[in-house]
Amino acid sequence: MSGSLWSFWKGDSPMERELARLRLIVTGRVQGVFFRRAAVNEARALGLKGFARNRPEGSVEILAEGERSNLEVLLAWSRQGPPHAHVEDVKPIWGKFAGEFGHFKVR
């Protein structure tokens, strides 16, 4: 197989491997319902790095870096969250990959 066709067949297309940064502000009933812990589990399973933290006004902030396709999965997950959460809104802010995190954690 040619190089580009082989890469596509393996699932290594440039679009799938694009690195990016995603900041999410999640509002609703998202504190005190294990939202951050569930976000960490989801992000780690996707191979993402960054953090999830509570914000003073009651929202949760998620800052994640990794493959854009996996960040899009995290974005979709955040619109639902864990079972006891009630997500009202998610504001995604896309940015350039900075590579500043070694793992994903709760802050």
N, C-alpha and C. Protein backbone atom coordinates (compact mmCIF):
# COMPACT_ATOMS: atom_id res chain seq x y z
N MET A 1 0.85 -1.19 0.00
CA MET A 1 0.00 0.00 0.00
C MET A 1 0.89 1.24 0.00
N SER A 2 0.40 2.29 -0.60
CA SER A 2 1.17 3.54 -0.59
C SER A 2 1.14 4.11 0.83
N GLY A 3 2.10 4.99 1.14
CA GLY A 3 2.22 5.55 2.48
C GLY A 3 0.96 6.23 2.97
N SER A 4 0.36 7.09 2.16
CA SER A 4 -0.81 7.83 2.62
C SER A 4 -2.03 6.91 2.75
N LEU A 5 -2.17 5.98 1.85
CA LEU A 5 -3.30 5.05 1.93
C LEU A 5 -3.13 4.14 3.15
N TRP A 6 -1.92 3.69 3.40
CA TRP A 6 -1.65 2.84 4.58
C TRP A 6 -1.96 3.60 5.86
N SER A 7 -1.54 4.87 5.95
CA SER A 7 -1.82 5.68 7.13
C SER A 7 -3.32 5.83 7.34
N PHE A 8 -4.06 6.07 6.26
CA PHE A 8 -5.50 6.20 6.37
C PHE A 8 -6.12 4.90 6.87
N TRP A 9 -5.67 3.79 6.33
CA TRP A 9 -6.21 2.48 6.70
C TRP A 9 -5.96 2.19 8.17
N LYS A 10 -4.80 2.61 8.68
CA LYS A 10 -4.46 2.38 10.09
C LYS A 10 -5.20 3.34 11.02
N GLY A 11 -5.85 4.36 10.47
CA GLY A 11 -6.54 5.33 11.32
C GLY A 11 -5.63 6.46 11.75
N ASP A 12 -4.55 6.69 11.03
CA ASP A 12 -3.60 7.74 11.38
C ASP A 12 -3.71 8.95 10.46
N SER A 13 -4.89 9.27 10.01
CA SER A 13 -5.03 10.41 9.12
C SER A 13 -4.64 11.69 9.86
N PRO A 14 -4.14 12.68 9.16
CA PRO A 14 -3.73 13.93 9.82
C PRO A 14 -4.84 14.57 10.63
N MET A 15 -6.08 14.49 10.19
CA MET A 15 -7.19 15.09 10.93
C MET A 15 -7.37 14.43 12.29
N GLU A 16 -7.20 13.11 12.34
CA GLU A 16 -7.39 12.40 13.60
C GLU A 16 -6.27 12.69 14.58
N ARG A 17 -5.09 12.98 14.08
CA ARG A 17 -3.93 13.16 14.94
C ARG A 17 -3.64 14.62 15.25
N GLU A 18 -4.48 15.53 14.80
CA GLU A 18 -4.27 16.95 15.07
C GLU A 18 -4.35 17.18 16.58
N LEU A 19 -3.33 17.83 17.13
CA LEU A 19 -3.31 18.13 18.56
C LEU A 19 -3.94 19.50 18.80
N ALA A 20 -4.70 19.60 19.88
CA ALA A 20 -5.40 20.84 20.18
C ALA A 20 -5.59 20.97 21.69
N ARG A 21 -6.16 22.09 22.06
CA ARG A 21 -6.45 22.40 23.46
C ARG A 21 -7.92 22.80 23.51
N LEU A 22 -8.62 22.35 24.55
CA LEU A 22 -10.04 22.66 24.69
C LEU A 22 -10.33 23.04 26.13
N ARG A 23 -10.91 24.21 26.30
CA ARG A 23 -11.35 24.66 27.62
C ARG A 23 -12.87 24.64 27.60
N LEU A 24 -13.45 23.99 28.60
CA LEU A 24 -14.90 23.89 28.71
C LEU A 24 -15.36 24.54 30.01
N ILE A 25 -16.39 25.32 29.93
CA ILE A 25 -17.07 25.85 31.12
C ILE A 25 -18.45 25.21 31.12
N VAL A 26 -18.68 24.37 32.11
CA VAL A 26 -19.91 23.58 32.19
C VAL A 26 -20.77 24.14 33.32
N THR A 27 -22.00 24.54 32.99
CA THR A 27 -22.89 25.10 34.00
C THR A 27 -24.10 24.19 34.20
N GLY A 28 -24.74 24.38 35.35
CA GLY A 28 -25.89 23.57 35.74
C GLY A 28 -25.62 23.00 37.12
N ARG A 29 -26.24 21.87 37.41
CA ARG A 29 -25.95 21.18 38.67
C ARG A 29 -24.77 20.24 38.40
N VAL A 30 -23.57 20.80 38.53
CA VAL A 30 -22.37 20.07 38.17
C VAL A 30 -21.34 19.99 39.30
N GLN A 31 -21.63 20.63 40.43
CA GLN A 31 -20.76 20.49 41.59
C GLN A 31 -21.46 19.63 42.63
N GLY A 32 -20.66 18.78 43.29
CA GLY A 32 -21.22 17.90 44.32
C GLY A 32 -21.90 16.67 43.74
N VAL A 33 -21.68 16.38 42.46
CA VAL A 33 -22.31 15.22 41.81
C VAL A 33 -21.25 14.35 41.10
N PHE A 34 -20.00 14.48 41.54
CA PHE A 34 -18.87 13.71 40.99
C PHE A 34 -18.58 14.04 39.53
N PHE A 35 -18.93 15.26 39.11
CA PHE A 35 -18.69 15.66 37.72
C PHE A 35 -17.19 15.69 37.43
N ARG A 36 -16.42 16.31 38.33
CA ARG A 36 -14.97 16.41 38.09
C ARG A 36 -14.32 15.03 38.02
N ARG A 37 -14.66 14.16 38.95
CA ARG A 37 -14.06 12.82 38.97
C ARG A 37 -14.44 12.06 37.70
N ALA A 38 -15.69 12.16 37.28
CA ALA A 38 -16.12 11.49 36.05
C ALA A 38 -15.41 12.08 34.83
N ALA A 39 -15.20 13.41 34.83
CA ALA A 39 -14.49 14.05 33.73
C ALA A 39 -13.05 13.55 33.65
N VAL A 40 -12.41 13.40 34.79
CA VAL A 40 -11.04 12.87 34.83
C VAL A 40 -11.01 11.46 34.26
N ASN A 41 -11.93 10.62 34.68
CA ASN A 41 -11.97 9.25 34.17
C ASN A 41 -12.17 9.22 32.66
N GLU A 42 -13.08 10.05 32.17
CA GLU A 42 -13.36 10.12 30.73
C GLU A 42 -12.13 10.61 29.97
N ALA A 43 -11.53 11.68 30.47
CA ALA A 43 -10.36 12.26 29.79
C ALA A 43 -9.18 11.29 29.77
N ARG A 44 -8.94 10.62 30.88
CA ARG A 44 -7.84 9.65 30.92
C ARG A 44 -8.08 8.51 29.94
N ALA A 45 -9.32 8.05 29.87
CA ALA A 45 -9.65 6.96 28.94
C ALA A 45 -9.42 7.39 27.49
N LEU A 46 -9.53 8.68 27.23
CA LEU A 46 -9.32 9.22 25.89
C LEU A 46 -7.86 9.61 25.63
N GLY A 47 -7.01 9.45 26.64
CA GLY A 47 -5.60 9.78 26.48
C GLY A 47 -5.33 11.28 26.53
N LEU A 48 -6.20 12.04 27.17
CA LEU A 48 -6.05 13.49 27.25
C LEU A 48 -5.31 13.87 28.52
N LYS A 49 -4.76 15.07 28.52
CA LYS A 49 -4.04 15.60 29.67
C LYS A 49 -4.62 16.96 30.02
N GLY A 50 -4.63 17.30 31.32
CA GLY A 50 -5.17 18.58 31.75
C GLY A 50 -5.75 18.49 33.13
N PHE A 51 -6.88 19.19 33.36
CA PHE A 51 -7.50 19.19 34.68
C PHE A 51 -8.98 19.52 34.60
N ALA A 52 -9.65 19.22 35.71
CA ALA A 52 -11.05 19.63 35.91
C ALA A 52 -11.10 20.27 37.29
N ARG A 53 -11.79 21.40 37.40
CA ARG A 53 -11.89 22.06 38.70
C ARG A 53 -13.22 22.79 38.84
N ASN A 54 -13.64 22.93 40.10
CA ASN A 54 -14.83 23.72 40.41
C ASN A 54 -14.47 25.19 40.33
N ARG A 55 -15.43 25.98 39.88
CA ARG A 55 -15.27 27.43 39.86
C ARG A 55 -16.17 28.05 40.93
N PRO A 56 -15.80 29.20 41.45
CA PRO A 56 -16.54 29.80 42.58
C PRO A 56 -18.03 30.02 42.32
N GLU A 57 -18.41 30.31 41.07
CA GLU A 57 -19.82 30.61 40.80
C GLU A 57 -20.67 29.36 40.59
N GLY A 58 -20.06 28.15 40.72
CA GLY A 58 -20.83 26.91 40.64
C GLY A 58 -20.63 26.10 39.38
N SER A 59 -19.87 26.60 38.43
CA SER A 59 -19.61 25.83 37.21
C SER A 59 -18.38 24.95 37.40
N VAL A 60 -18.13 24.11 36.41
CA VAL A 60 -16.92 23.29 36.37
C VAL A 60 -16.14 23.68 35.13
N GLU A 61 -14.84 23.85 35.31
CA GLU A 61 -13.94 24.14 34.20
C GLU A 61 -13.13 22.90 33.90
N ILE A 62 -13.06 22.55 32.62
CA ILE A 62 -12.21 21.46 32.15
C ILE A 62 -11.25 22.05 31.14
N LEU A 63 -9.97 21.82 31.35
CA LEU A 63 -8.96 22.23 30.40
C LEU A 63 -8.22 20.98 29.97
N ALA A 64 -8.32 20.64 28.70
CA ALA A 64 -7.77 19.38 28.20
C ALA A 64 -6.96 19.60 26.94
N GLU A 65 -5.93 18.78 26.79
CA GLU A 65 -5.11 18.79 25.58
C GLU A 65 -4.94 17.38 25.07
N GLY A 66 -4.83 17.26 23.77
CA GLY A 66 -4.62 15.96 23.14
C GLY A 66 -5.11 15.98 21.71
N GLU A 67 -5.41 14.79 21.20
CA GLU A 67 -5.89 14.70 19.83
C GLU A 67 -7.28 15.33 19.72
N ARG A 68 -7.44 16.15 18.69
CA ARG A 68 -8.70 16.88 18.52
C ARG A 68 -9.91 15.95 18.49
N SER A 69 -9.79 14.82 17.85
CA SER A 69 -10.93 13.90 17.78
C SER A 69 -11.33 13.42 19.17
N ASN A 70 -10.36 13.21 20.05
CA ASN A 70 -10.66 12.79 21.42
C ASN A 70 -11.22 13.95 22.24
N LEU A 71 -10.75 15.15 21.98
CA LEU A 71 -11.31 16.33 22.64
C LEU A 71 -12.78 16.52 22.25
N GLU A 72 -13.11 16.23 21.00
CA GLU A 72 -14.50 16.32 20.57
C GLU A 72 -15.38 15.30 21.28
N VAL A 73 -14.82 14.13 21.57
CA VAL A 73 -15.56 13.12 22.34
C VAL A 73 -15.79 13.63 23.76
N LEU A 74 -14.77 14.25 24.37
CA LEU A 74 -14.92 14.82 25.72
C LEU A 74 -15.97 15.93 25.71
N LEU A 75 -15.97 16.76 24.69
CA LEU A 75 -16.97 17.82 24.58
C LEU A 75 -18.37 17.22 24.53
N ALA A 76 -18.57 16.20 23.73
CA ALA A 76 -19.88 15.55 23.64
C ALA A 76 -20.27 14.95 24.99
N TRP A 77 -19.32 14.30 25.67
CA TRP A 77 -19.58 13.70 26.99
C TRP A 77 -20.00 14.79 27.98
N SER A 78 -19.32 15.94 27.95
CA SER A 78 -19.57 17.00 28.94
C SER A 78 -20.98 17.57 28.83
N ARG A 79 -21.61 17.42 27.69
CA ARG A 79 -22.97 17.93 27.52
C ARG A 79 -23.99 17.08 28.29
N GLN A 80 -23.58 15.87 28.68
CA GLN A 80 -24.44 14.99 29.47
C GLN A 80 -23.90 14.86 30.90
N GLY A 81 -22.59 14.55 31.01
CA GLY A 81 -21.97 14.38 32.32
C GLY A 81 -22.35 13.07 32.98
N PRO A 82 -21.99 12.92 34.26
CA PRO A 82 -22.33 11.70 35.01
C PRO A 82 -23.82 11.65 35.36
N PRO A 83 -24.29 10.51 35.85
CA PRO A 83 -25.73 10.32 36.07
C PRO A 83 -26.44 11.38 36.93
N HIS A 84 -25.83 11.89 37.99
CA HIS A 84 -26.53 12.82 38.88
C HIS A 84 -26.37 14.29 38.51
N ALA A 85 -25.62 14.55 37.47
CA ALA A 85 -25.44 15.93 37.02
C ALA A 85 -26.62 16.37 36.15
N HIS A 86 -26.81 17.67 36.12
CA HIS A 86 -27.79 18.26 35.21
C HIS A 86 -27.09 19.41 34.49
N VAL A 87 -26.61 19.15 33.29
CA VAL A 87 -25.87 20.15 32.53
C VAL A 87 -26.85 21.08 31.82
N GLU A 88 -26.67 22.37 32.06
CA GLU A 88 -27.49 23.37 31.39
C GLU A 88 -26.80 23.92 30.15
N ASP A 89 -25.47 24.12 30.23
CA ASP A 89 -24.75 24.72 29.11
C ASP A 89 -23.29 24.31 29.17
N VAL A 90 -22.68 24.23 27.99
CA VAL A 90 -21.25 23.97 27.87
C VAL A 90 -20.70 24.99 26.89
N LYS A 91 -19.71 25.75 27.34
CA LYS A 91 -19.05 26.73 26.48
C LYS A 91 -17.67 26.19 26.12
N PRO A 92 -17.48 25.77 24.86
CA PRO A 92 -16.16 25.29 24.44
C PRO A 92 -15.31 26.43 23.88
N ILE A 93 -14.04 26.44 24.26
CA ILE A 93 -13.09 27.41 23.74
C ILE A 93 -11.89 26.62 23.23
N TRP A 94 -11.72 26.60 21.91
CA TRP A 94 -10.63 25.85 21.29
C TRP A 94 -9.36 26.70 21.25
N GLY A 95 -8.23 26.04 21.41
CA GLY A 95 -6.95 26.74 21.35
C GLY A 95 -5.85 25.85 20.80
N LYS A 96 -4.67 26.40 20.77
CA LYS A 96 -3.51 25.67 20.27
C LYS A 96 -2.94 24.77 21.36
N PHE A 97 -2.51 23.60 20.98
CA PHE A 97 -1.87 22.65 21.87
C PHE A 97 -0.62 23.29 22.47
N ALA A 98 -0.45 23.21 23.79
CA ALA A 98 0.72 23.79 24.45
C ALA A 98 1.61 22.72 25.08
N GLY A 99 1.07 21.53 25.33
CA GLY A 99 1.85 20.44 25.91
C GLY A 99 2.32 20.71 27.33
N GLU A 100 1.53 21.43 28.11
CA GLU A 100 1.97 21.81 29.45
C GLU A 100 1.57 20.83 30.55
N PHE A 101 0.80 19.80 30.24
CA PHE A 101 0.32 18.88 31.27
C PHE A 101 0.95 17.49 31.12
N GLY A 102 1.24 16.85 32.25
CA GLY A 102 1.80 15.51 32.23
C GLY A 102 0.73 14.43 32.37
N HIS A 103 -0.43 14.78 32.90
CA HIS A 103 -1.53 13.84 33.10
C HIS A 103 -2.83 14.63 33.28
N PHE A 104 -3.91 13.95 33.58
CA PHE A 104 -5.19 14.62 33.80
C PHE A 104 -5.57 14.44 35.26
N LYS A 105 -5.95 15.53 35.93
CA LYS A 105 -6.26 15.44 37.35
C LYS A 105 -7.38 16.39 37.76
N VAL A 106 -7.87 16.18 38.98
CA VAL A 106 -8.83 17.08 39.61
C VAL A 106 -8.02 18.16 40.32
N ARG A 107 -8.43 19.38 40.17
CA ARG A 107 -7.81 20.49 40.93
C ARG A 107 -8.79 21.02 41.93
